[in-house]
Amino acid sequence: MAPKRKPAAAPTHPIVLYDFKIDEELDLHGMAVDEAMAAAEELLDRYQKRPGAVLRVVHGSSNSAPNSIRKSLHRNFDTVWKRRIKRYRLDILNPGATLLEVSGA
């Protein structure tokens, strides 16, 4: 007869997904590209006077077409909204989302 195993103990500390606080999340699923860009710009407008705010934009892990929401969003981060964003990157926990930090400009 095999010995009985003890059930695994529950973790004593909370699981930390990020080492920073996400101030707001915007979900762009179901939107057309132009609607998604307008929603992202409204989000940036709300955080314009909050440098250092971290935002998470959920766009889905769309294909690599140049007119996809993800590609259009990143293109705008690099051009139109360049001064408003300090840095951005795909979320390592979910490649269908982008994390960005608002700049002080």
PDB file of N, CA and C in Angstrom:
ATOM      1  N   MET A   1       0.836  -1.162   0.000  1.00  0.00           N
ATOM      2  CA  MET A   1       0.000   0.000   0.000  1.00  0.00           C
ATOM      3  C   MET A   1       0.894   1.244   0.000  1.00  0.00           C
ATOM      4  N   ALA A   2       0.583   2.188  -0.884  1.00  0.00           N
ATOM      5  CA  ALA A   2       1.369   3.414  -1.005  1.00  0.00           C
ATOM      6  C   ALA A   2       1.053   4.361   0.144  1.00  0.00           C
ATOM      7  N   PRO A   3       2.070   5.080   0.617  1.00  0.00           N
ATOM      8  CA  PRO A   3       1.810   6.026   1.708  1.00  0.00           C
ATOM      9  C   PRO A   3       0.938   7.178   1.221  1.00  0.00           C
ATOM     10  N   LYS A   4       0.131   7.694   2.123  1.00  0.00           N
ATOM     11  CA  LYS A   4      -0.749   8.823   1.782  1.00  0.00           C
ATOM     12  C   LYS A   4       0.080  10.099   1.698  1.00  0.00           C
ATOM     13  N   ARG A   5      -0.223  10.907   0.703  1.00  0.00           N
ATOM     14  CA  ARG A   5       0.459  12.182   0.535  1.00  0.00           C
ATOM     15  C   ARG A   5      -0.303  13.265   1.254  1.00  0.00           C
ATOM     16  N   LYS A   6       0.433  14.185   1.815  1.00  0.00           N
ATOM     17  CA  LYS A   6      -0.202  15.335   2.437  1.00  0.00           C
ATOM     18  C   LYS A   6      -0.620  16.305   1.342  1.00  0.00           C
ATOM     19  N   PRO A   7      -1.773  16.950   1.505  1.00  0.00           N
ATOM     20  CA  PRO A   7      -2.159  17.948   0.495  1.00  0.00           C
ATOM     21  C   PRO A   7      -1.171  19.113   0.520  1.00  0.00           C
ATOM     22  N   ALA A   8      -0.988  19.709  -0.639  1.00  0.00           N
ATOM     23  CA  ALA A   8      -0.065  20.849  -0.740  1.00  0.00           C
ATOM     24  C   ALA A   8      -0.574  22.005   0.106  1.00  0.00           C
ATOM     25  N   ALA A   9       0.327  22.625   0.809  1.00  0.00           N
ATOM     26  CA  ALA A   9      -0.040  23.762   1.647  1.00  0.00           C
ATOM     27  C   ALA A   9      -0.345  24.970   0.782  1.00  0.00           C
ATOM     28  N   ALA A  10      -1.314  25.745   1.221  1.00  0.00           N
ATOM     29  CA  ALA A  10      -1.658  26.969   0.507  1.00  0.00           C
ATOM     30  C   ALA A  10      -0.511  27.963   0.664  1.00  0.00           C
ATOM     31  N   PRO A  11      -0.236  28.753  -0.378  1.00  0.00           N
ATOM     32  CA  PRO A  11       0.845  29.733  -0.257  1.00  0.00           C
ATOM     33  C   PRO A  11       0.545  30.718   0.867  1.00  0.00           C
ATOM     34  N   THR A  12       1.567  31.094   1.581  1.00  0.00           N
ATOM     35  CA  THR A  12       1.382  32.008   2.701  1.00  0.00           C
ATOM     36  C   THR A  12       1.510  33.464   2.277  1.00  0.00           C
ATOM     37  N   HIS A  13       1.930  33.705   1.073  1.00  0.00           N
ATOM     38  CA  HIS A  13       2.060  35.075   0.579  1.00  0.00           C
ATOM     39  C   HIS A  13       1.292  35.201  -0.722  1.00  0.00           C
ATOM     40  N   PRO A  14       0.786  36.396  -1.032  1.00  0.00           N
ATOM     41  CA  PRO A  14       0.042  36.564  -2.278  1.00  0.00           C
ATOM     42  C   PRO A  14       0.968  36.429  -3.485  1.00  0.00           C
ATOM     43  N   ILE A  15       0.404  35.961  -4.568  1.00  0.00           N
ATOM     44  CA  ILE A  15       1.168  35.844  -5.808  1.00  0.00           C
ATOM     45  C   ILE A  15       1.245  37.224  -6.446  1.00  0.00           C
ATOM     46  N   VAL A  16       2.437  37.674  -6.755  1.00  0.00           N
ATOM     47  CA  VAL A  16       2.645  38.987  -7.358  1.00  0.00           C
ATOM     48  C   VAL A  16       2.872  38.795  -8.850  1.00  0.00           C
ATOM     49  N   LEU A  17       1.984  39.358  -9.647  1.00  0.00           N
ATOM     50  CA  LEU A  17       2.121  39.229 -11.095  1.00  0.00           C
ATOM     51  C   LEU A  17       3.046  40.290 -11.672  1.00  0.00           C
ATOM     52  N   TYR A  18       3.024  41.476 -11.110  1.00  0.00           N
ATOM     53  CA  TYR A  18       3.867  42.566 -11.579  1.00  0.00           C
ATOM     54  C   TYR A  18       4.521  43.202 -10.359  1.00  0.00           C
ATOM     55  N   ASP A  19       5.653  43.841 -10.555  1.00  0.00           N
ATOM     56  CA  ASP A  19       6.283  44.557  -9.450  1.00  0.00           C
ATOM     57  C   ASP A  19       5.934  46.044  -9.514  1.00  0.00           C
ATOM     58  N   PHE A  20       4.840  46.366 -10.186  1.00  0.00           N
ATOM     59  CA  PHE A  20       4.351  47.730 -10.297  1.00  0.00           C
ATOM     60  C   PHE A  20       2.832  47.680 -10.354  1.00  0.00           C
ATOM     61  N   LYS A  21       2.214  48.814 -10.074  1.00  0.00           N
ATOM     62  CA  LYS A  21       0.758  48.902 -10.070  1.00  0.00           C
ATOM     63  C   LYS A  21       0.265  49.342 -11.451  1.00  0.00           C
ATOM     64  N   ILE A  22      -0.734  48.662 -11.954  1.00  0.00           N
ATOM     65  CA  ILE A  22      -1.357  49.066 -13.212  1.00  0.00           C
ATOM     66  C   ILE A  22      -2.504  50.007 -12.858  1.00  0.00           C
ATOM     67  N   ASP A  23      -2.423  51.238 -13.349  1.00  0.00           N
ATOM     68  CA  ASP A  23      -3.405  52.250 -12.996  1.00  0.00           C
ATOM     69  C   ASP A  23      -4.752  52.049 -13.683  1.00  0.00           C
ATOM     70  N   GLU A  24      -4.726  51.608 -14.931  1.00  0.00           N
ATOM     71  CA  GLU A  24      -5.983  51.373 -15.647  1.00  0.00           C
ATOM     72  C   GLU A  24      -5.743  50.406 -16.797  1.00  0.00           C
ATOM     73  N   GLU A  25      -6.790  49.669 -17.130  1.00  0.00           N
ATOM     74  CA  GLU A  25      -6.733  48.735 -18.260  1.00  0.00           C
ATOM     75  C   GLU A  25      -7.811  49.128 -19.253  1.00  0.00           C
ATOM     76  N   LEU A  26      -7.460  49.073 -20.523  1.00  0.00           N
ATOM     77  CA  LEU A  26      -8.393  49.360 -21.608  1.00  0.00           C
ATOM     78  C   LEU A  26      -8.471  48.129 -22.495  1.00  0.00           C
ATOM     79  N   ASP A  27      -9.679  47.612 -22.695  1.00  0.00           N
ATOM     80  CA  ASP A  27      -9.875  46.430 -23.532  1.00  0.00           C
ATOM     81  C   ASP A  27     -10.418  46.865 -24.891  1.00  0.00           C
ATOM     82  N   LEU A  28      -9.680  46.569 -25.947  1.00  0.00           N
ATOM     83  CA  LEU A  28     -10.044  47.003 -27.299  1.00  0.00           C
ATOM     84  C   LEU A  28     -10.719  45.904 -28.113  1.00  0.00           C
ATOM     85  N   HIS A  29     -10.983  44.756 -27.507  1.00  0.00           N
ATOM     86  CA  HIS A  29     -11.618  43.661 -28.237  1.00  0.00           C
ATOM     87  C   HIS A  29     -12.954  44.106 -28.843  1.00  0.00           C
ATOM     88  N   GLY A  30     -13.194  43.692 -30.068  1.00  0.00           N
ATOM     89  CA  GLY A  30     -14.452  43.974 -30.746  1.00  0.00           C
ATOM     90  C   GLY A  30     -14.523  45.334 -31.404  1.00  0.00           C
ATOM     91  N   MET A  31     -13.480  46.128 -31.283  1.00  0.00           N
ATOM     92  CA  MET A  31     -13.477  47.459 -31.888  1.00  0.00           C
ATOM     93  C   MET A  31     -12.812  47.419 -33.257  1.00  0.00           C
ATOM     94  N   ALA A  32     -13.223  48.335 -34.114  1.00  0.00           N
ATOM     95  CA  ALA A  32     -12.516  48.550 -35.376  1.00  0.00           C
ATOM     96  C   ALA A  32     -11.238  49.310 -35.043  1.00  0.00           C
ATOM     97  N   VAL A  33     -10.286  49.307 -35.956  1.00  0.00           N
ATOM     98  CA  VAL A  33      -8.994  49.937 -35.707  1.00  0.00           C
ATOM     99  C   VAL A  33      -9.155  51.413 -35.356  1.00  0.00           C
ATOM    100  N   ASP A  34      -9.975  52.157 -36.111  1.00  0.00           N
ATOM    101  CA  ASP A  34     -10.132  53.584 -35.821  1.00  0.00           C
ATOM    102  C   ASP A  34     -10.806  53.815 -34.469  1.00  0.00           C
ATOM    103  N   GLU A  35     -11.757  52.968 -34.088  1.00  0.00           N
ATOM    104  CA  GLU A  35     -12.388  53.080 -32.765  1.00  0.00           C
ATOM    105  C   GLU A  35     -11.375  52.794 -31.656  1.00  0.00           C
ATOM    106  N   ALA A  36     -10.546  51.789 -31.886  1.00  0.00           N
ATOM    107  CA  ALA A  36      -9.537  51.415 -30.893  1.00  0.00           C
ATOM    108  C   ALA A  36      -8.515  52.534 -30.705  1.00  0.00           C
ATOM    109  N   MET A  37      -8.090  53.182 -31.791  1.00  0.00           N
ATOM    110  CA  MET A  37      -7.123  54.270 -31.676  1.00  0.00           C
ATOM    111  C   MET A  37      -7.745  55.461 -30.947  1.00  0.00           C
ATOM    112  N   ALA A  38      -9.010  55.738 -31.203  1.00  0.00           N
ATOM    113  CA  ALA A  38      -9.695  56.830 -30.512  1.00  0.00           C
ATOM    114  C   ALA A  38      -9.808  56.524 -29.017  1.00  0.00           C
ATOM    115  N   ALA A  39     -10.135  55.281 -28.672  1.00  0.00           N
ATOM    116  CA  ALA A  39     -10.240  54.888 -27.260  1.00  0.00           C
ATOM    117  C   ALA A  39      -8.879  54.979 -26.565  1.00  0.00           C
ATOM    118  N   ALA A  40      -7.821  54.574 -27.256  1.00  0.00           N
ATOM    119  CA  ALA A  40      -6.467  54.648 -26.683  1.00  0.00           C
ATOM    120  C   ALA A  40      -6.063  56.107 -26.482  1.00  0.00           C
ATOM    121  N   GLU A  41      -6.417  56.970 -27.422  1.00  0.00           N
ATOM    122  CA  GLU A  41      -6.079  58.387 -27.280  1.00  0.00           C
ATOM    123  C   GLU A  41      -6.838  59.012 -26.112  1.00  0.00           C
ATOM    124  N   GLU A  42      -8.101  58.632 -25.922  1.00  0.00           N
ATOM    125  CA  GLU A  42      -8.866  59.127 -24.778  1.00  0.00           C
ATOM    126  C   GLU A  42      -8.222  58.680 -23.465  1.00  0.00           C
ATOM    127  N   LEU A  43      -7.727  57.456 -23.429  1.00  0.00           N
ATOM    128  CA  LEU A  43      -7.038  56.952 -22.242  1.00  0.00           C
ATOM    129  C   LEU A  43      -5.791  57.792 -21.956  1.00  0.00           C
ATOM    130  N   LEU A  44      -5.008  58.051 -22.987  1.00  0.00           N
ATOM    131  CA  LEU A  44      -3.810  58.879 -22.814  1.00  0.00           C
ATOM    132  C   LEU A  44      -4.170  60.298 -22.370  1.00  0.00           C
ATOM    133  N   ASP A  45      -5.280  60.837 -22.881  1.00  0.00           N
ATOM    134  CA  ASP A  45      -5.728  62.165 -22.471  1.00  0.00           C
ATOM    135  C   ASP A  45      -6.031  62.206 -20.970  1.00  0.00           C
ATOM    136  N   ARG A  46      -6.687  61.148 -20.468  1.00  0.00           N
ATOM    137  CA  ARG A  46      -7.036  61.094 -19.045  1.00  0.00           C
ATOM    138  C   ARG A  46      -5.801  61.061 -18.149  1.00  0.00           C
ATOM    139  N   TYR A  47      -4.711  60.489 -18.636  1.00  0.00           N
ATOM    140  CA  TYR A  47      -3.500  60.331 -17.831  1.00  0.00           C
ATOM    141  C   TYR A  47      -2.392  61.319 -18.218  1.00  0.00           C
ATOM    142  N   GLN A  48      -2.729  62.321 -18.997  1.00  0.00           N
ATOM    143  CA  GLN A  48      -1.746  63.287 -19.477  1.00  0.00           C
ATOM    144  C   GLN A  48      -0.996  63.971 -18.343  1.00  0.00           C
ATOM    145  N   LYS A  49      -1.670  64.276 -17.266  1.00  0.00           N
ATOM    146  CA  LYS A  49      -1.045  64.984 -16.143  1.00  0.00           C
ATOM    147  C   LYS A  49      -0.614  64.035 -15.034  1.00  0.00           C
ATOM    148  N   ARG A  50      -0.449  62.752 -15.357  1.00  0.00           N
ATOM    149  CA  ARG A  50      -0.017  61.764 -14.363  1.00  0.00           C
ATOM    150  C   ARG A  50       1.199  61.004 -14.871  1.00  0.00           C
ATOM    151  N   PRO A  51       2.344  61.670 -14.969  1.00  0.00           N
ATOM    152  CA  PRO A  51       3.548  60.975 -15.452  1.00  0.00           C
ATOM    153  C   PRO A  51       3.883  59.801 -14.539  1.00  0.00           C
ATOM    154  N   GLY A  52       4.307  58.733 -15.173  1.00  0.00           N
ATOM    155  CA  GLY A  52       4.661  57.528 -14.429  1.00  0.00           C
ATOM    156  C   GLY A  52       3.516  56.544 -14.298  1.00  0.00           C
ATOM    157  N   ALA A  53       2.308  56.948 -14.678  1.00  0.00           N
ATOM    158  CA  ALA A  53       1.169  56.028 -14.621  1.00  0.00           C
ATOM    159  C   ALA A  53       1.423  54.860 -15.577  1.00  0.00           C
ATOM    160  N   VAL A  54       1.049  53.667 -15.146  1.00  0.00           N
ATOM    161  CA  VAL A  54       1.215  52.475 -15.974  1.00  0.00           C
ATOM    162  C   VAL A  54      -0.158  52.032 -16.445  1.00  0.00           C
ATOM    163  N   LEU A  55      -0.300  51.876 -17.744  1.00  0.00           N
ATOM    164  CA  LEU A  55      -1.566  51.495 -18.367  1.00  0.00           C
ATOM    165  C   LEU A  55      -1.394  50.165 -19.088  1.00  0.00           C
ATOM    166  N   ARG A  56      -2.458  49.381 -19.114  1.00  0.00           N
ATOM    167  CA  ARG A  56      -2.444  48.099 -19.823  1.00  0.00           C
ATOM    168  C   ARG A  56      -3.532  48.165 -20.886  1.00  0.00           C
ATOM    169  N   VAL A  57      -3.136  48.010 -22.139  1.00  0.00           N
ATOM    170  CA  VAL A  57      -4.076  48.045 -23.257  1.00  0.00           C
ATOM    171  C   VAL A  57      -4.173  46.632 -23.820  1.00  0.00           C
ATOM    172  N   VAL A  58      -5.371  46.053 -23.724  1.00  0.00           N
ATOM    173  CA  VAL A  58      -5.610  44.698 -24.220  1.00  0.00           C
ATOM    174  C   VAL A  58      -6.103  44.805 -25.656  1.00  0.00           C
ATOM    175  N   HIS A  59      -5.320  44.248 -26.576  1.00  0.00           N
ATOM    176  CA  HIS A  59      -5.643  44.358 -27.992  1.00  0.00           C
ATOM    177  C   HIS A  59      -5.833  43.005 -28.647  1.00  0.00           C
ATOM    178  N   GLY A  60      -5.549  41.938 -27.958  1.00  0.00           N
ATOM    179  CA  GLY A  60      -5.613  40.601 -28.545  1.00  0.00           C
ATOM    180  C   GLY A  60      -4.298  40.297 -29.236  1.00  0.00           C
ATOM    181  N   SER A  61      -4.047  39.038 -29.439  1.00  0.00           N
ATOM    182  CA  SER A  61      -2.791  38.627 -30.087  1.00  0.00           C
ATOM    183  C   SER A  61      -3.023  38.528 -31.583  1.00  0.00           C
ATOM    184  N   SER A  62      -3.452  39.624 -32.165  1.00  0.00           N
ATOM    185  CA  SER A  62      -3.837  39.683 -33.570  1.00  0.00           C
ATOM    186  C   SER A  62      -2.705  39.254 -34.497  1.00  0.00           C
ATOM    187  N   ASN A  63      -3.082  39.046 -35.716  1.00  0.00           N
ATOM    188  CA  ASN A  63      -2.082  38.653 -36.713  1.00  0.00           C
ATOM    189  C   ASN A  63      -1.091  39.790 -36.939  1.00  0.00           C
ATOM    190  N   SER A  64      -0.142  39.556 -37.764  1.00  0.00           N
ATOM    191  CA  SER A  64       0.901  40.564 -37.980  1.00  0.00           C
ATOM    192  C   SER A  64       0.588  41.497 -39.142  1.00  0.00           C
ATOM    193  N   ALA A  65      -0.676  41.570 -39.542  1.00  0.00           N
ATOM    194  CA  ALA A  65      -1.057  42.475 -40.626  1.00  0.00           C
ATOM    195  C   ALA A  65      -0.774  43.917 -40.214  1.00  0.00           C
ATOM    196  N   PRO A  66      -0.308  44.735 -41.155  1.00  0.00           N
ATOM    197  CA  PRO A  66       0.053  46.120 -40.809  1.00  0.00           C
ATOM    198  C   PRO A  66      -1.128  46.950 -40.314  1.00  0.00           C
ATOM    199  N   ASN A  67      -2.359  46.537 -40.614  1.00  0.00           N
ATOM    200  CA  ASN A  67      -3.520  47.315 -40.179  1.00  0.00           C
ATOM    201  C   ASN A  67      -4.225  46.684 -38.975  1.00  0.00           C
ATOM    202  N   SER A  68      -3.558  45.784 -38.259  1.00  0.00           N
ATOM    203  CA  SER A  68      -4.160  45.199 -37.060  1.00  0.00           C
ATOM    204  C   SER A  68      -4.156  46.234 -35.940  1.00  0.00           C
ATOM    205  N   ILE A  69      -4.972  46.014 -34.934  1.00  0.00           N
ATOM    206  CA  ILE A  69      -5.032  46.951 -33.811  1.00  0.00           C
ATOM    207  C   ILE A  69      -3.685  47.030 -33.120  1.00  0.00           C
ATOM    208  N   ARG A  70      -3.055  45.887 -32.860  1.00  0.00           N
ATOM    209  CA  ARG A  70      -1.765  45.895 -32.166  1.00  0.00           C
ATOM    210  C   ARG A  70      -0.719  46.683 -32.948  1.00  0.00           C
ATOM    211  N   LYS A  71      -0.587  46.409 -34.242  1.00  0.00           N
ATOM    212  CA  LYS A  71       0.409  47.114 -35.061  1.00  0.00           C
ATOM    213  C   LYS A  71       0.100  48.610 -35.136  1.00  0.00           C
ATOM    214  N   SER A  72      -1.169  48.956 -35.297  1.00  0.00           N
ATOM    215  CA  SER A  72      -1.552  50.368 -35.370  1.00  0.00           C
ATOM    216  C   SER A  72      -1.279  51.073 -34.049  1.00  0.00           C
ATOM    217  N   LEU A  73      -1.574  50.399 -32.950  1.00  0.00           N
ATOM    218  CA  LEU A  73      -1.324  50.955 -31.625  1.00  0.00           C
ATOM    219  C   LEU A  73       0.163  51.219 -31.424  1.00  0.00           C
ATOM    220  N   HIS A  74       0.994  50.229 -31.716  1.00  0.00           N
ATOM    221  CA  HIS A  74       2.444  50.382 -31.545  1.00  0.00           C
ATOM    222  C   HIS A  74       3.017  51.438 -32.497  1.00  0.00           C
ATOM    223  N   ARG A  75       2.468  51.509 -33.705  1.00  0.00           N
ATOM    224  CA  ARG A  75       2.924  52.531 -34.654  1.00  0.00           C
ATOM    225  C   ARG A  75       2.609  53.930 -34.099  1.00  0.00           C
ATOM    226  N   ASN A  76       1.417  54.091 -33.516  1.00  0.00           N
ATOM    227  CA  ASN A  76       1.070  55.387 -32.926  1.00  0.00           C
ATOM    228  C   ASN A  76       1.931  55.694 -31.702  1.00  0.00           C
ATOM    229  N   PHE A  77       2.278  54.676 -30.918  1.00  0.00           N
ATOM    230  CA  PHE A  77       3.168  54.883 -29.774  1.00  0.00           C
ATOM    231  C   PHE A  77       4.525  55.411 -30.243  1.00  0.00           C
ATOM    232  N   ASP A  78       4.984  54.936 -31.393  1.00  0.00           N
ATOM    233  CA  ASP A  78       6.287  55.335 -31.922  1.00  0.00           C
ATOM    234  C   ASP A  78       6.263  56.666 -32.674  1.00  0.00           C
ATOM    235  N   THR A  79       5.088  57.129 -33.069  1.00  0.00           N
ATOM    236  CA  THR A  79       5.009  58.343 -33.884  1.00  0.00           C
ATOM    237  C   THR A  79       4.110  59.395 -33.247  1.00  0.00           C
ATOM    238  N   VAL A  80       2.824  59.271 -33.436  1.00  0.00           N
ATOM    239  CA  VAL A  80       1.847  60.285 -33.030  1.00  0.00           C
ATOM    240  C   VAL A  80       1.892  60.562 -31.528  1.00  0.00           C
ATOM    241  N   TRP A  81       1.980  59.531 -30.712  1.00  0.00           N
ATOM    242  CA  TRP A  81       1.935  59.688 -29.251  1.00  0.00           C
ATOM    243  C   TRP A  81       3.321  59.550 -28.620  1.00  0.00           C
ATOM    244  N   LYS A  82       4.364  59.687 -29.408  1.00  0.00           N
ATOM    245  CA  LYS A  82       5.734  59.436 -28.935  1.00  0.00           C
ATOM    246  C   LYS A  82       6.089  60.249 -27.695  1.00  0.00           C
ATOM    247  N   ARG A  83       5.720  61.499 -27.651  1.00  0.00           N
ATOM    248  CA  ARG A  83       6.072  62.358 -26.509  1.00  0.00           C
ATOM    249  C   ARG A  83       5.228  62.067 -25.276  1.00  0.00           C
ATOM    250  N   ARG A  84       4.112  61.393 -25.460  1.00  0.00           N
ATOM    251  CA  ARG A  84       3.202  61.126 -24.340  1.00  0.00           C
ATOM    252  C   ARG A  84       3.516  59.821 -23.625  1.00  0.00           C
ATOM    253  N   ILE A  85       4.378  59.002 -24.236  1.00  0.00           N
ATOM    254  CA  ILE A  85       4.671  57.680 -23.693  1.00  0.00           C
ATOM    255  C   ILE A  85       6.163  57.557 -23.429  1.00  0.00           C
ATOM    256  N   LYS A  86       6.501  57.218 -22.198  1.00  0.00           N
ATOM    257  CA  LYS A  86       7.905  57.050 -21.837  1.00  0.00           C
ATOM    258  C   LYS A  86       8.449  55.756 -22.416  1.00  0.00           C
ATOM    259  N   ARG A  87       7.687  54.670 -22.265  1.00  0.00           N
ATOM    260  CA  ARG A  87       8.092  53.373 -22.824  1.00  0.00           C
ATOM    261  C   ARG A  87       6.875  52.464 -22.877  1.00  0.00           C
ATOM    262  N   TYR A  88       6.981  51.427 -23.696  1.00  0.00           N
ATOM    263  CA  TYR A  88       5.927  50.421 -23.791  1.00  0.00           C
ATOM    264  C   TYR A  88       6.549  49.094 -24.173  1.00  0.00           C
ATOM    265  N   ARG A  89       5.805  48.021 -23.899  1.00  0.00           N
ATOM    266  CA  ARG A  89       6.232  46.677 -24.296  1.00  0.00           C
ATOM    267  C   ARG A  89       5.045  45.746 -24.217  1.00  0.00           C
ATOM    268  N   LEU A  90       5.140  44.638 -24.919  1.00  0.00           N
ATOM    269  CA  LEU A  90       4.117  43.614 -24.791  1.00  0.00           C
ATOM    270  C   LEU A  90       4.150  43.078 -23.373  1.00  0.00           C
ATOM    271  N   ASP A  91       3.000  42.731 -22.858  1.00  0.00           N
ATOM    272  CA  ASP A  91       2.883  42.155 -21.524  1.00  0.00           C
ATOM    273  C   ASP A  91       3.453  40.740 -21.578  1.00  0.00           C
ATOM    274  N   ILE A  92       4.439  40.437 -20.737  1.00  0.00           N
ATOM    275  CA  ILE A  92       5.060  39.110 -20.779  1.00  0.00           C
ATOM    276  C   ILE A  92       4.103  38.023 -20.300  1.00  0.00           C
ATOM    277  N   LEU A  93       3.093  38.405 -19.529  1.00  0.00           N
ATOM    278  CA  LEU A  93       2.113  37.429 -19.070  1.00  0.00           C
ATOM    279  C   LEU A  93       0.998  37.217 -20.077  1.00  0.00           C
ATOM    280  N   ASN A  94       0.838  38.165 -20.994  1.00  0.00           N
ATOM    281  CA  ASN A  94      -0.218  38.077 -22.002  1.00  0.00           C
ATOM    282  C   ASN A  94       0.223  38.855 -23.233  1.00  0.00           C
ATOM    283  N   PRO A  95       0.722  38.176 -24.264  1.00  0.00           N
ATOM    284  CA  PRO A  95       1.176  38.897 -25.457  1.00  0.00           C
ATOM    285  C   PRO A  95       0.043  39.563 -26.237  1.00  0.00           C
ATOM    286  N   GLY A  96      -1.179  39.403 -25.777  1.00  0.00           N
ATOM    287  CA  GLY A  96      -2.315  40.098 -26.376  1.00  0.00           C
ATOM    288  C   GLY A  96      -2.591  41.423 -25.698  1.00  0.00           C
ATOM    289  N   ALA A  97      -1.619  41.903 -24.912  1.00  0.00           N
ATOM    290  CA  ALA A  97      -1.771  43.190 -24.227  1.00  0.00           C
ATOM    291  C   ALA A  97      -0.438  43.922 -24.246  1.00  0.00           C
ATOM    292  N   THR A  98      -0.515  45.230 -24.154  1.00  0.00           N
ATOM    293  CA  THR A  98       0.679  46.069 -24.106  1.00  0.00           C
ATOM    294  C   THR A  98       0.645  46.904 -22.833  1.00  0.00           C
ATOM    295  N   LEU A  99       1.783  46.953 -22.159  1.00  0.00           N
ATOM    296  CA  LEU A  99       1.948  47.802 -20.982  1.00  0.00           C
ATOM    297  C   LEU A  99       2.672  49.059 -21.419  1.00  0.00           C
ATOM    298  N   LEU A 100       2.247  50.205 -20.898  1.00  0.00           N
ATOM    299  CA  LEU A 100       2.935  51.443 -21.243  1.00  0.00           C
ATOM    300  C   LEU A 100       3.009  52.352 -20.035  1.00  0.00           C
ATOM    301  N   GLU A 101       4.039  53.171 -20.026  1.00  0.00           N
ATOM    302  CA  GLU A 101       4.228  54.152 -18.965  1.00  0.00           C
ATOM    303  C   GLU A 101       4.081  55.535 -19.569  1.00  0.00           C
ATOM    304  N   VAL A 102       3.246  56.347 -18.936  1.00  0.00           N
ATOM    305  CA  VAL A 102       2.974  57.694 -19.416  1.00  0.00           C
ATOM    306  C   VAL A 102       4.165  58.596 -19.085  1.00  0.00           C
ATOM    307  N   SER A 103       4.552  59.439 -20.030  1.00  0.00           N
ATOM    308  CA  SER A 103       5.681  60.356 -19.798  1.00  0.00           C
ATOM    309  C   SER A 103       5.161  61.658 -19.218  1.00  0.00           C
ATOM    310  N   GLY A 104       6.083  62.498 -18.821  1.00  0.00           N
ATOM    311  CA  GLY A 104       5.716  63.794 -18.242  1.00  0.00           C
ATOM    312  C   GLY A 104       5.469  64.876 -19.260  1.00  0.00           C
ATOM    313  N   ALA A 105       5.628  64.585 -20.535  1.00  0.00           N
ATOM    314  CA  ALA A 105       5.481  65.608 -21.580  1.00  0.00           C
ATOM    315  C   ALA A 105       4.040  65.868 -21.923  1.00  0.00           C
TER     316      ALA A 105
END
